[in-house]
Amino acid sequence: MPKIKTNRGAAKRFKVSKSGKIMRRRGFKSHILSTKSRKRKRRLRQAASVSSYETTSMRRLIPYL
């Protein structure tokens, strides 16, 4: 069997945690930040995990990370 190519766009956007979860950054933090509360912007800084039903397809995109 040939090796699977890593999707380079996905490799730059997602990281795998020590426990094996795939972590992603949150959206809605690029512009129009003045209308968003401090609490909301603070939460947007934190990384979030990819949902369980999307994890299998993500594993195909980044098999060696």
Protein backbone atom coordinates (compact mmCIF):
# COMPACT_ATOMS: atom_id res chain seq x y z
CA MET A 1 0.00 0.00 0.00
CA PRO A 2 1.31 3.48 -0.81
CA LYS A 3 1.60 6.10 1.87
CA ILE A 4 -1.25 8.61 2.28
CA LYS A 5 -0.50 12.23 1.44
CA THR A 6 -1.16 14.74 4.20
CA ASN A 7 -3.54 17.57 3.27
CA ARG A 8 -1.23 20.55 3.81
CA GLY A 9 -4.07 23.03 4.37
CA ALA A 10 -5.49 20.86 7.15
CA ALA A 11 -2.04 20.29 8.67
CA LYS A 12 -1.61 24.05 9.11
CA ARG A 13 -5.07 24.54 10.64
CA PHE A 14 -5.34 21.59 13.03
CA LYS A 15 -3.13 20.13 15.76
CA VAL A 16 -3.42 16.86 17.63
CA SER A 17 -3.39 17.07 21.44
CA LYS A 18 -1.56 14.63 23.72
CA SER A 19 -4.79 12.78 24.40
CA GLY A 20 -5.33 12.37 20.63
CA LYS A 21 -8.08 14.94 20.14
CA ILE A 22 -7.89 17.14 17.04
CA MET A 23 -7.83 20.80 18.07
CA ARG A 24 -8.98 23.74 15.95
CA ARG A 25 -9.06 27.51 16.27
CA ARG A 26 -12.36 29.34 16.65
CA GLY A 27 -13.87 31.53 13.97
CA PHE A 28 -15.41 35.04 14.20
CA LYS A 29 -12.26 36.73 15.50
CA SER A 30 -10.88 38.49 12.43
CA HIS A 31 -12.77 41.81 12.33
CA ILE A 32 -15.71 43.81 13.79
CA LEU A 33 -14.39 43.08 17.29
CA SER A 34 -15.74 46.26 18.86
CA THR A 35 -19.29 44.89 18.98
CA LYS A 36 -18.19 41.66 20.69
CA SER A 37 -17.90 41.51 24.46
CA ARG A 38 -14.59 41.00 26.30
CA LYS A 39 -15.78 37.65 27.57
CA ARG A 40 -16.67 36.49 24.05
CA LYS A 41 -13.31 37.59 22.60
CA ARG A 42 -11.49 35.88 25.47
CA ARG A 43 -13.31 32.62 24.74
CA LEU A 44 -12.45 32.90 21.03
CA ARG A 45 -8.73 32.78 21.93
CA GLN A 46 -9.10 29.25 23.32
CA ALA A 47 -8.71 26.26 21.04
CA ALA A 48 -11.69 23.95 20.58
CA SER A 49 -11.78 20.26 19.75
CA VAL A 50 -13.21 18.94 16.49
CA SER A 51 -16.56 17.22 16.98
CA SER A 52 -16.59 13.43 17.25
CA TYR A 53 -18.42 12.80 13.96
CA GLU A 54 -15.88 14.91 12.03
CA THR A 55 -12.84 13.33 13.65
CA THR A 56 -12.80 10.28 11.36
CA SER A 57 -12.69 12.39 8.20
CA MET A 58 -10.04 14.64 9.79
CA ARG A 59 -7.86 11.60 10.50
CA ARG A 60 -7.84 10.90 6.76
CA LEU A 61 -6.65 14.44 6.03
CA ILE A 62 -3.86 14.45 8.64
CA PRO A 63 -2.85 10.80 9.13
CA TYR A 64 0.68 11.34 10.46
CA LEU A 65 0.24 14.27 12.86
